[in-house]
Structures are given as C-alpha cells and as structure tokens.
All heavy atoms as atom14 arrays in JSON, in Angstrom:
{
  "sequence": "EKRYRVFADLERIAGRFPRAIFRDNADNQREITIWCSNDYLGMGQHPV",
  "atom14_mask": [
    [1, 1, 1, 1, 1, 1, 1, 1, 1, 0, 0, 0, 0, 0],
    [1, 1, 1, 1, 1, 1, 1, 1, 1, 0, 0, 0, 0, 0],
    [1, 1, 1, 1, 1, 1, 1, 1, 1, 1, 1, 0, 0, 0],
    [1, 1, 1, 1, 1, 1, 1, 1, 1, 1, 1, 1, 0, 0],
    [1, 1, 1, 1, 1, 1, 1, 1, 1, 1, 1, 0, 0, 0],
    [1, 1, 1, 1, 1, 1, 1, 0, 0, 0, 0, 0, 0, 0],
    [1, 1, 1, 1, 1, 1, 1, 1, 1, 1, 1, 0, 0, 0],
    [1, 1, 1, 1, 1, 0, 0, 0, 0, 0, 0, 0, 0, 0],
    [1, 1, 1, 1, 1, 1, 1, 1, 0, 0, 0, 0, 0, 0],
    [1, 1, 1, 1, 1, 1, 1, 1, 0, 0, 0, 0, 0, 0],
    [1, 1, 1, 1, 1, 1, 1, 1, 1, 0, 0, 0, 0, 0],
    [1, 1, 1, 1, 1, 1, 1, 1, 1, 1, 1, 0, 0, 0],
    [1, 1, 1, 1, 1, 1, 1, 1, 0, 0, 0, 0, 0, 0],
    [1, 1, 1, 1, 1, 0, 0, 0, 0, 0, 0, 0, 0, 0],
    [1, 1, 1, 1, 0, 0, 0, 0, 0, 0, 0, 0, 0, 0],
    [1, 1, 1, 1, 1, 1, 1, 1, 1, 1, 1, 0, 0, 0],
    [1, 1, 1, 1, 1, 1, 1, 1, 1, 1, 1, 0, 0, 0],
    [1, 1, 1, 1, 1, 1, 1, 0, 0, 0, 0, 0, 0, 0],
    [1, 1, 1, 1, 1, 1, 1, 1, 1, 1, 1, 0, 0, 0],
    [1, 1, 1, 1, 1, 0, 0, 0, 0, 0, 0, 0, 0, 0],
    [1, 1, 1, 1, 1, 1, 1, 1, 0, 0, 0, 0, 0, 0],
    [1, 1, 1, 1, 1, 1, 1, 1, 1, 1, 1, 0, 0, 0],
    [1, 1, 1, 1, 1, 1, 1, 1, 1, 1, 1, 0, 0, 0],
    [1, 1, 1, 1, 1, 1, 1, 1, 0, 0, 0, 0, 0, 0],
    [1, 1, 1, 1, 1, 1, 1, 1, 0, 0, 0, 0, 0, 0],
    [1, 1, 1, 1, 1, 0, 0, 0, 0, 0, 0, 0, 0, 0],
    [1, 1, 1, 1, 1, 1, 1, 1, 0, 0, 0, 0, 0, 0],
    [1, 1, 1, 1, 1, 1, 1, 1, 0, 0, 0, 0, 0, 0],
    [1, 1, 1, 1, 1, 1, 1, 1, 1, 0, 0, 0, 0, 0],
    [1, 1, 1, 1, 1, 1, 1, 1, 1, 1, 1, 0, 0, 0],
    [1, 1, 1, 1, 1, 1, 1, 1, 1, 0, 0, 0, 0, 0],
    [1, 1, 1, 1, 1, 1, 1, 1, 0, 0, 0, 0, 0, 0],
    [1, 1, 1, 1, 1, 1, 1, 0, 0, 0, 0, 0, 0, 0],
    [1, 1, 1, 1, 1, 1, 1, 1, 0, 0, 0, 0, 0, 0],
    [1, 1, 1, 1, 1, 1, 1, 1, 1, 1, 1, 1, 1, 1],
    [1, 1, 1, 1, 1, 1, 0, 0, 0, 0, 0, 0, 0, 0],
    [1, 1, 1, 1, 1, 1, 0, 0, 0, 0, 0, 0, 0, 0],
    [1, 1, 1, 1, 1, 1, 1, 1, 0, 0, 0, 0, 0, 0],
    [1, 1, 1, 1, 1, 1, 1, 1, 0, 0, 0, 0, 0, 0],
    [1, 1, 1, 1, 1, 1, 1, 1, 1, 1, 1, 1, 0, 0],
    [1, 1, 1, 1, 1, 1, 1, 1, 0, 0, 0, 0, 0, 0],
    [1, 1, 1, 1, 0, 0, 0, 0, 0, 0, 0, 0, 0, 0],
    [1, 1, 1, 1, 1, 1, 1, 1, 0, 0, 0, 0, 0, 0],
    [1, 1, 1, 1, 0, 0, 0, 0, 0, 0, 0, 0, 0, 0],
    [1, 1, 1, 1, 1, 1, 1, 1, 1, 0, 0, 0, 0, 0],
    [1, 1, 1, 1, 1, 1, 1, 1, 1, 1, 0, 0, 0, 0],
    [1, 1, 1, 1, 1, 1, 1, 0, 0, 0, 0, 0, 0, 0],
    [1, 1, 1, 1, 1, 1, 1, 0, 0, 0, 0, 0, 0, 0]
  ],
  "atom14_positions": [
    [[5.08, -17.54, 20.51], [5.68, -17.85, 19.22], [6.96, -17.07, 18.97], [7.53, -17.16, 17.89], [4.67, -17.56, 18.11], [3.44, -18.45, 18.15], [2.42, -18.06, 17.09], [2.64, -17.05, 16.38], [1.4, -18.76, 16.98], [0.0, 0.0, 0.0], [0.0, 0.0, 0.0], [0.0, 0.0, 0.0], [0.0, 0.0, 0.0], [0.0, 0.0, 0.0]],
    [[7.41, -16.32, 19.99], [8.62, -15.49, 19.89], [8.5, -14.45, 18.79], [9.48, -14.08, 18.16], [9.86, -16.38, 19.66], [10.03, -17.52, 20.65], [10.16, -17.0, 22.08], [10.33, -18.16, 23.06], [10.37, -17.67, 24.47], [0.0, 0.0, 0.0], [0.0, 0.0, 0.0], [0.0, 0.0, 0.0], [0.0, 0.0, 0.0], [0.0, 0.0, 0.0]],
    [[7.26, -13.93, 18.59], [7.02, -12.93, 17.58], [6.58, -11.6, 18.15], [6.25, -10.68, 17.4], [5.96, -13.43, 16.58], [6.4, -14.61, 15.78], [5.52, -14.82, 14.56], [4.17, -15.28, 14.85], [3.07, -14.66, 14.45], [3.15, -13.52, 13.79], [1.88, -15.17, 14.73], [0.0, 0.0, 0.0], [0.0, 0.0, 0.0], [0.0, 0.0, 0.0]],
    [[6.57, -11.47, 19.48], [6.19, -10.21, 20.1], [7.29, -9.18, 19.88], [8.46, -9.46, 20.13], [5.93, -10.4, 21.59], [5.5, -9.14, 22.3], [4.22, -8.64, 22.13], [6.38, -8.45, 23.13], [3.81, -7.48, 22.78], [5.98, -7.3, 23.78], [4.69, -6.81, 23.59], [4.31, -5.66, 24.23], [0.0, 0.0, 0.0], [0.0, 0.0, 0.0]],
    [[6.92, -8.02, 19.42], [7.9, -7.01, 19.05], [8.14, -6.02, 20.19], [7.2, -5.46, 20.76], [7.44, -6.27, 17.79], [7.29, -7.23, 16.62], [6.92, -6.56, 15.35], [6.84, -7.54, 14.27], [6.73, -7.27, 13.0], [6.68, -6.03, 12.62], [6.67, -8.22, 12.1], [0.0, 0.0, 0.0], [0.0, 0.0, 0.0], [0.0, 0.0, 0.0]],
    [[9.41, -5.85, 20.5], [9.83, -4.91, 21.53], [10.44, -3.69, 20.85], [11.35, -3.82, 20.02], [10.85, -5.57, 22.48], [11.3, -4.56, 23.54], [10.25, -6.8, 23.15], [0.0, 0.0, 0.0], [0.0, 0.0, 0.0], [0.0, 0.0, 0.0], [0.0, 0.0, 0.0], [0.0, 0.0, 0.0], [0.0, 0.0, 0.0], [0.0, 0.0, 0.0]],
    [[9.95, -2.51, 21.19], [10.43, -1.28, 20.57], [11.55, -0.67, 21.41], [11.41, -0.48, 22.61], [9.31, -0.26, 20.43], [8.15, -0.74, 19.6], [6.86, -0.28, 19.83], [8.33, -1.67, 18.59], [5.79, -0.72, 19.06], [7.26, -2.12, 17.81], [6.0, -1.64, 18.06], [0.0, 0.0, 0.0], [0.0, 0.0, 0.0], [0.0, 0.0, 0.0]],
    [[12.64, -0.38, 20.76], [13.76, 0.29, 21.44], [13.5, 1.78, 21.53], [13.16, 2.42, 20.54], [15.06, 0.03, 20.68], [0.0, 0.0, 0.0], [0.0, 0.0, 0.0], [0.0, 0.0, 0.0], [0.0, 0.0, 0.0], [0.0, 0.0, 0.0], [0.0, 0.0, 0.0], [0.0, 0.0, 0.0], [0.0, 0.0, 0.0], [0.0, 0.0, 0.0]],
    [[13.64, 2.33, 22.73], [13.44, 3.76, 22.99], [14.74, 4.49, 22.63], [15.71, 4.46, 23.39], [13.08, 3.97, 24.46], [12.79, 5.42, 24.82], [13.05, 6.32, 23.99], [12.33, 5.66, 25.96], [0.0, 0.0, 0.0], [0.0, 0.0, 0.0], [0.0, 0.0, 0.0], [0.0, 0.0, 0.0], [0.0, 0.0, 0.0], [0.0, 0.0, 0.0]],
    [[14.75, 5.15, 21.49], [15.98, 5.74, 20.96], [15.85, 7.25, 20.8], [14.79, 7.77, 20.45], [16.32, 5.12, 19.6], [16.49, 3.61, 19.55], [16.67, 3.15, 18.12], [17.67, 3.18, 20.41], [0.0, 0.0, 0.0], [0.0, 0.0, 0.0], [0.0, 0.0, 0.0], [0.0, 0.0, 0.0], [0.0, 0.0, 0.0], [0.0, 0.0, 0.0]],
    [[16.94, 7.95, 21.01], [17.02, 9.38, 20.76], [18.24, 9.63, 19.89], [19.38, 9.63, 20.36], [17.14, 10.14, 22.09], [17.17, 11.65, 21.94], [17.25, 12.35, 23.28], [16.62, 11.88, 24.25], [17.96, 13.38, 23.37], [0.0, 0.0, 0.0], [0.0, 0.0, 0.0], [0.0, 0.0, 0.0], [0.0, 0.0, 0.0], [0.0, 0.0, 0.0]],
    [[17.99, 9.79, 18.59], [19.09, 10.02, 17.67], [19.78, 11.34, 17.98], [19.13, 12.32, 18.38], [18.61, 9.99, 16.23], [17.93, 8.67, 15.86], [18.01, 8.37, 14.39], [17.46, 9.38, 13.53], [17.63, 9.4, 12.21], [18.34, 8.47, 11.62], [17.07, 10.35, 11.48], [0.0, 0.0, 0.0], [0.0, 0.0, 0.0], [0.0, 0.0, 0.0]],
    [[21.07, 11.4, 17.77], [21.86, 12.58, 18.1], [22.22, 13.3, 16.8], [23.01, 12.79, 16.0], [23.15, 12.21, 18.87], [22.79, 11.36, 20.09], [23.9, 13.46, 19.26], [24.02, 10.76, 20.78], [0.0, 0.0, 0.0], [0.0, 0.0, 0.0], [0.0, 0.0, 0.0], [0.0, 0.0, 0.0], [0.0, 0.0, 0.0], [0.0, 0.0, 0.0]],
    [[21.62, 14.45, 16.57], [21.86, 15.21, 15.35], [23.33, 15.54, 15.19], [23.99, 16.01, 16.13], [21.03, 16.49, 15.34], [0.0, 0.0, 0.0], [0.0, 0.0, 0.0], [0.0, 0.0, 0.0], [0.0, 0.0, 0.0], [0.0, 0.0, 0.0], [0.0, 0.0, 0.0], [0.0, 0.0, 0.0], [0.0, 0.0, 0.0], [0.0, 0.0, 0.0]],
    [[23.86, 15.22, 14.02], [25.26, 15.47, 13.75], [26.18, 14.33, 14.13], [27.37, 14.34, 13.78], [0.0, 0.0, 0.0], [0.0, 0.0, 0.0], [0.0, 0.0, 0.0], [0.0, 0.0, 0.0], [0.0, 0.0, 0.0], [0.0, 0.0, 0.0], [0.0, 0.0, 0.0], [0.0, 0.0, 0.0], [0.0, 0.0, 0.0], [0.0, 0.0, 0.0]],
    [[25.63, 13.29, 14.82], [26.46, 12.18, 15.26], [25.89, 10.82, 14.81], [26.29, 9.8, 15.33], [26.64, 12.21, 16.77], [27.42, 13.41, 17.29], [27.73, 13.22, 18.76], [28.5, 12.01, 18.97], [28.48, 11.3, 20.11], [27.71, 11.68, 21.11], [29.2, 10.21, 20.24], [0.0, 0.0, 0.0], [0.0, 0.0, 0.0], [0.0, 0.0, 0.0]],
    [[24.93, 10.83, 13.9], [24.39, 9.58, 13.39], [25.54, 8.72, 12.86], [26.45, 9.23, 12.23], [23.39, 9.89, 12.26], [22.77, 8.68, 11.65], [21.74, 8.02, 12.29], [23.21, 8.19, 10.42], [21.15, 6.9, 11.71], [22.63, 7.07, 9.85], [21.6, 6.42, 10.5], [0.0, 0.0, 0.0], [0.0, 0.0, 0.0], [0.0, 0.0, 0.0]],
    [[25.54, 7.38, 13.18], [24.49, 6.53, 13.74], [24.48, 6.39, 15.25], [23.9, 5.42, 15.76], [24.79, 5.2, 13.06], [26.29, 5.18, 12.97], [26.69, 6.58, 12.67], [0.0, 0.0, 0.0], [0.0, 0.0, 0.0], [0.0, 0.0, 0.0], [0.0, 0.0, 0.0], [0.0, 0.0, 0.0], [0.0, 0.0, 0.0], [0.0, 0.0, 0.0]],
    [[25.11, 7.32, 15.97], [25.05, 7.26, 17.42], [23.68, 7.72, 17.9], [23.05, 8.59, 17.3], [26.13, 8.14, 18.03], [27.55, 7.8, 17.61], [28.02, 6.45, 18.09], [29.48, 6.32, 17.91], [30.14, 5.18, 18.01], [29.5, 4.07, 18.3], [31.46, 5.16, 17.85], [0.0, 0.0, 0.0], [0.0, 0.0, 0.0], [0.0, 0.0, 0.0]],
    [[23.23, 7.13, 19.02], [21.94, 7.49, 19.6], [21.95, 7.2, 21.09], [22.8, 6.45, 21.58], [20.8, 6.73, 18.92], [0.0, 0.0, 0.0], [0.0, 0.0, 0.0], [0.0, 0.0, 0.0], [0.0, 0.0, 0.0], [0.0, 0.0, 0.0], [0.0, 0.0, 0.0], [0.0, 0.0, 0.0], [0.0, 0.0, 0.0], [0.0, 0.0, 0.0]],
    [[21.0, 7.78, 21.8], [20.8, 7.5, 23.22], [19.7, 6.45, 23.35], [18.61, 6.61, 22.82], [20.4, 8.77, 24.0], [21.47, 9.85, 23.85], [20.17, 8.43, 25.47], [22.83, 9.46, 24.38], [0.0, 0.0, 0.0], [0.0, 0.0, 0.0], [0.0, 0.0, 0.0], [0.0, 0.0, 0.0], [0.0, 0.0, 0.0], [0.0, 0.0, 0.0]],
    [[20.01, 5.36, 24.04], [19.04, 4.3, 24.33], [18.61, 4.4, 25.78], [19.43, 4.57, 26.68], [19.66, 2.93, 24.07], [18.84, 1.79, 24.61], [17.67, 1.38, 23.98], [19.24, 1.12, 25.77], [16.92, 0.34, 24.49], [18.49, 0.07, 26.28], [17.33, -0.33, 25.64], [0.0, 0.0, 0.0], [0.0, 0.0, 0.0], [0.0, 0.0, 0.0]],
    [[17.28, 4.29, 26.02], [16.72, 4.27, 27.37], [16.03, 2.95, 27.62], [15.18, 2.53, 26.83], [15.75, 5.44, 27.56], [16.43, 6.81, 27.64], [15.4, 7.93, 27.81], [16.08, 9.21, 28.05], [16.56, 9.98, 27.11], [16.46, 9.61, 25.83], [17.15, 11.14, 27.41], [0.0, 0.0, 0.0], [0.0, 0.0, 0.0], [0.0, 0.0, 0.0]],
    [[16.37, 2.31, 28.74], [15.72, 1.04, 29.09], [14.43, 1.31, 29.86], [14.02, 2.47, 30.04], [16.69, 0.15, 29.88], [17.13, 0.76, 31.21], [16.43, 1.67, 31.74], [18.18, 0.33, 31.75], [0.0, 0.0, 0.0], [0.0, 0.0, 0.0], [0.0, 0.0, 0.0], [0.0, 0.0, 0.0], [0.0, 0.0, 0.0], [0.0, 0.0, 0.0]],
    [[13.78, 0.25, 30.33], [12.5, 0.39, 31.01], [12.59, 1.17, 32.31], [11.59, 1.72, 32.79], [11.9, -0.99, 31.27], [11.49, -1.69, 29.99], [11.16, -1.05, 28.99], [11.48, -3.03, 30.0], [0.0, 0.0, 0.0], [0.0, 0.0, 0.0], [0.0, 0.0, 0.0], [0.0, 0.0, 0.0], [0.0, 0.0, 0.0], [0.0, 0.0, 0.0]],
    [[13.77, 1.21, 32.91], [13.98, 1.98, 34.14], [14.44, 3.4, 33.85], [14.79, 4.15, 34.76], [15.0, 1.27, 35.02], [0.0, 0.0, 0.0], [0.0, 0.0, 0.0], [0.0, 0.0, 0.0], [0.0, 0.0, 0.0], [0.0, 0.0, 0.0], [0.0, 0.0, 0.0], [0.0, 0.0, 0.0], [0.0, 0.0, 0.0], [0.0, 0.0, 0.0]],
    [[14.44, 3.77, 32.57], [14.82, 5.1, 32.1], [16.32, 5.37, 32.26], [16.74, 6.53, 32.25], [14.01, 6.2, 32.79], [13.76, 7.39, 31.88], [13.7, 7.19, 30.65], [13.63, 8.52, 32.39], [0.0, 0.0, 0.0], [0.0, 0.0, 0.0], [0.0, 0.0, 0.0], [0.0, 0.0, 0.0], [0.0, 0.0, 0.0], [0.0, 0.0, 0.0]],
    [[17.09, 4.29, 32.45], [18.54, 4.45, 32.4], [18.96, 4.68, 30.95], [18.37, 4.1, 30.04], [19.24, 3.21, 32.95], [18.88, 2.93, 34.38], [18.96, 3.82, 35.24], [18.46, 1.7, 34.67], [0.0, 0.0, 0.0], [0.0, 0.0, 0.0], [0.0, 0.0, 0.0], [0.0, 0.0, 0.0], [0.0, 0.0, 0.0], [0.0, 0.0, 0.0]],
    [[19.95, 5.51, 30.72], [20.32, 5.82, 29.35], [21.8, 5.61, 29.1], [22.63, 5.75, 29.99], [19.93, 7.26, 29.0], [20.64, 8.33, 29.79], [20.17, 9.73, 29.41], [18.99, 10.05, 29.56], [21.08, 10.56, 28.92], [0.0, 0.0, 0.0], [0.0, 0.0, 0.0], [0.0, 0.0, 0.0], [0.0, 0.0, 0.0], [0.0, 0.0, 0.0]],
    [[22.11, 5.25, 27.85], [23.5, 5.1, 27.44], [23.59, 5.28, 25.92], [22.59, 5.14, 25.21], [24.07, 3.75, 27.85], [23.45, 2.55, 27.16], [24.08, 1.27, 27.69], [23.7, 0.07, 26.94], [22.61, -0.65, 27.15], [21.8, -0.28, 28.14], [22.35, -1.73, 26.43], [0.0, 0.0, 0.0], [0.0, 0.0, 0.0], [0.0, 0.0, 0.0]],
    [[24.77, 5.58, 25.45], [24.96, 5.79, 24.03], [25.2, 4.47, 23.31], [25.96, 3.62, 23.78], [26.16, 6.72, 23.79], [26.33, 7.13, 22.33], [27.41, 8.18, 22.14], [27.3, 9.27, 22.75], [28.37, 7.9, 21.37], [0.0, 0.0, 0.0], [0.0, 0.0, 0.0], [0.0, 0.0, 0.0], [0.0, 0.0, 0.0], [0.0, 0.0, 0.0]],
    [[24.53, 4.31, 22.17], [24.67, 3.09, 21.38], [24.92, 3.45, 19.92], [24.83, 4.62, 19.52], [23.39, 2.21, 21.48], [22.21, 2.96, 20.87], [23.11, 1.8, 22.92], [21.03, 2.08, 20.55], [0.0, 0.0, 0.0], [0.0, 0.0, 0.0], [0.0, 0.0, 0.0], [0.0, 0.0, 0.0], [0.0, 0.0, 0.0], [0.0, 0.0, 0.0]],
    [[25.2, 2.41, 19.12], [25.34, 2.58, 17.67], [24.22, 1.82, 16.98], [24.02, 0.63, 17.23], [26.7, 2.05, 17.18], [27.75, 2.72, 17.88], [26.86, 2.31, 15.68], [0.0, 0.0, 0.0], [0.0, 0.0, 0.0], [0.0, 0.0, 0.0], [0.0, 0.0, 0.0], [0.0, 0.0, 0.0], [0.0, 0.0, 0.0], [0.0, 0.0, 0.0]],
    [[23.49, 2.51, 16.12], [22.39, 1.89, 15.37], [22.93, 1.29, 14.08], [23.58, 1.99, 13.28], [21.28, 2.92, 15.05], [20.7, 3.49, 16.34], [20.18, 2.27, 14.2], [19.71, 4.62, 16.11], [0.0, 0.0, 0.0], [0.0, 0.0, 0.0], [0.0, 0.0, 0.0], [0.0, 0.0, 0.0], [0.0, 0.0, 0.0], [0.0, 0.0, 0.0]],
    [[22.62, 0.01, 13.85], [23.07, -0.67, 12.65], [21.91, -1.18, 11.8], [22.13, -1.99, 10.88], [23.98, -1.85, 13.02], [25.43, -1.48, 13.16], [26.1, -1.24, 14.33], [26.37, -1.3, 12.12], [27.41, -0.92, 14.07], [27.61, -0.95, 12.71], [26.31, -1.38, 10.72], [28.76, -0.72, 11.98], [27.46, -1.13, 9.98], [28.67, -0.8, 10.61]],
    [[20.69, -0.72, 12.06], [19.54, -1.23, 11.3], [18.61, -0.11, 10.86], [17.44, -0.37, 10.56], [18.78, -2.26, 12.12], [18.19, -1.67, 13.73], [0.0, 0.0, 0.0], [0.0, 0.0, 0.0], [0.0, 0.0, 0.0], [0.0, 0.0, 0.0], [0.0, 0.0, 0.0], [0.0, 0.0, 0.0], [0.0, 0.0, 0.0], [0.0, 0.0, 0.0]],
    [[19.1, 1.11, 10.79], [18.25, 2.23, 10.4], [17.96, 2.2, 8.91], [18.8, 1.78, 8.11], [18.94, 3.55, 10.76], [18.2, 4.66, 10.25], [0.0, 0.0, 0.0], [0.0, 0.0, 0.0], [0.0, 0.0, 0.0], [0.0, 0.0, 0.0], [0.0, 0.0, 0.0], [0.0, 0.0, 0.0], [0.0, 0.0, 0.0], [0.0, 0.0, 0.0]],
    [[16.76, 2.66, 8.51], [16.49, 2.83, 7.09], [16.74, 4.27, 6.63], [16.39, 4.63, 5.5], [15.09, 2.35, 6.7], [13.98, 3.15, 7.35], [14.19, 4.25, 7.84], [12.77, 2.6, 7.33], [0.0, 0.0, 0.0], [0.0, 0.0, 0.0], [0.0, 0.0, 0.0], [0.0, 0.0, 0.0], [0.0, 0.0, 0.0], [0.0, 0.0, 0.0]],
    [[17.35, 5.09, 7.47], [17.89, 6.38, 7.04], [19.22, 6.07, 6.37], [20.3, 6.36, 6.87], [18.07, 7.3, 8.24], [18.46, 8.73, 7.86], [18.63, 9.0, 6.63], [18.62, 9.57, 8.76], [0.0, 0.0, 0.0], [0.0, 0.0, 0.0], [0.0, 0.0, 0.0], [0.0, 0.0, 0.0], [0.0, 0.0, 0.0], [0.0, 0.0, 0.0]],
    [[19.1, 5.45, 5.19], [20.23, 4.77, 4.56], [21.42, 5.66, 4.25], [22.56, 5.19, 4.21], [19.77, 4.11, 3.27], [18.84, 2.92, 3.43], [17.72, 2.76, 2.63], [19.1, 1.94, 4.36], [16.89, 1.66, 2.75], [18.27, 0.84, 4.5], [17.16, 0.71, 3.69], [16.34, -0.38, 3.81], [0.0, 0.0, 0.0], [0.0, 0.0, 0.0]],
    [[21.18, 6.94, 3.99], [22.27, 7.85, 3.63], [22.54, 8.89, 4.71], [23.38, 9.77, 4.53], [21.96, 8.55, 2.31], [21.76, 7.63, 1.09], [21.37, 8.45, -0.13], [23.03, 6.83, 0.81], [0.0, 0.0, 0.0], [0.0, 0.0, 0.0], [0.0, 0.0, 0.0], [0.0, 0.0, 0.0], [0.0, 0.0, 0.0], [0.0, 0.0, 0.0]],
    [[21.82, 8.81, 5.82], [21.97, 9.81, 6.88], [21.38, 11.15, 6.54], [21.68, 12.15, 7.2], [0.0, 0.0, 0.0], [0.0, 0.0, 0.0], [0.0, 0.0, 0.0], [0.0, 0.0, 0.0], [0.0, 0.0, 0.0], [0.0, 0.0, 0.0], [0.0, 0.0, 0.0], [0.0, 0.0, 0.0], [0.0, 0.0, 0.0], [0.0, 0.0, 0.0]],
    [[20.5, 11.21, 5.51], [19.94, 12.48, 5.09], [18.96, 13.05, 6.1], [18.65, 14.25, 6.06], [19.26, 12.34, 3.73], [20.22, 12.07, 2.58], [21.47, 13.34, 2.36], [20.47, 14.78, 1.96], [0.0, 0.0, 0.0], [0.0, 0.0, 0.0], [0.0, 0.0, 0.0], [0.0, 0.0, 0.0], [0.0, 0.0, 0.0], [0.0, 0.0, 0.0]],
    [[18.48, 12.23, 7.03], [17.6, 12.73, 8.07], [18.26, 13.73, 8.99], [17.58, 14.49, 9.69], [0.0, 0.0, 0.0], [0.0, 0.0, 0.0], [0.0, 0.0, 0.0], [0.0, 0.0, 0.0], [0.0, 0.0, 0.0], [0.0, 0.0, 0.0], [0.0, 0.0, 0.0], [0.0, 0.0, 0.0], [0.0, 0.0, 0.0], [0.0, 0.0, 0.0]],
    [[19.6, 13.75, 9.0], [20.33, 14.69, 9.82], [21.31, 15.52, 9.0], [22.22, 16.14, 9.56], [21.05, 13.94, 10.94], [20.07, 13.2, 11.85], [20.72, 12.56, 13.04], [21.73, 13.01, 13.54], [20.13, 11.49, 13.53], [0.0, 0.0, 0.0], [0.0, 0.0, 0.0], [0.0, 0.0, 0.0], [0.0, 0.0, 0.0], [0.0, 0.0, 0.0]],
    [[21.12, 15.55, 7.71], [21.99, 16.36, 6.86], [21.66, 17.85, 7.04], [20.49, 18.23, 7.14], [21.8, 15.96, 5.39], [22.86, 16.45, 4.48], [22.95, 17.78, 4.09], [23.91, 15.82, 3.88], [23.98, 17.92, 3.28], [24.58, 16.74, 3.14], [0.0, 0.0, 0.0], [0.0, 0.0, 0.0], [0.0, 0.0, 0.0], [0.0, 0.0, 0.0]],
    [[22.66, 18.7, 7.07], [22.42, 20.14, 7.28], [21.43, 20.74, 6.28], [20.61, 21.59, 6.66], [23.81, 20.75, 7.13], [24.75, 19.66, 7.53], [24.11, 18.39, 7.06], [0.0, 0.0, 0.0], [0.0, 0.0, 0.0], [0.0, 0.0, 0.0], [0.0, 0.0, 0.0], [0.0, 0.0, 0.0], [0.0, 0.0, 0.0], [0.0, 0.0, 0.0]],
    [[21.46, 20.31, 5.01], [20.57, 20.9, 4.02], [19.11, 20.52, 4.3], [18.21, 21.34, 4.08], [20.99, 20.47, 2.59], [20.69, 18.99, 2.34], [20.3, 21.33, 1.54], [0.0, 0.0, 0.0], [0.0, 0.0, 0.0], [0.0, 0.0, 0.0], [0.0, 0.0, 0.0], [0.0, 0.0, 0.0], [0.0, 0.0, 0.0], [0.0, 0.0, 0.0]]
  ]
}
C-alpha cells in the first residue's frame, strides 16, 4: 500500500542545525539538510 515507513539514520550536528549526518544501509555517510524537523526553533541545540 506504499505505507511502509523508512527511518532515516540521522546524526544532528550541534551548533550547525539544520545540518546533519545521514548514514545509508551500507553505513556510508554524508552531510544533509533537514527540512522536516519539529525542533521548530532550533532550541534543541541552543546554548542555554
């Protein structure tokens, strides 16, 4: 039904949000930009 959910393996980079490291199934990694986070204000990585 095209409803199976695939989870993206992400490693957020503190201080550089919304940049993150993405790892594929072969554990290859590259930097990506997240455009669907619910950390709406970036407070998850705020210094305070």
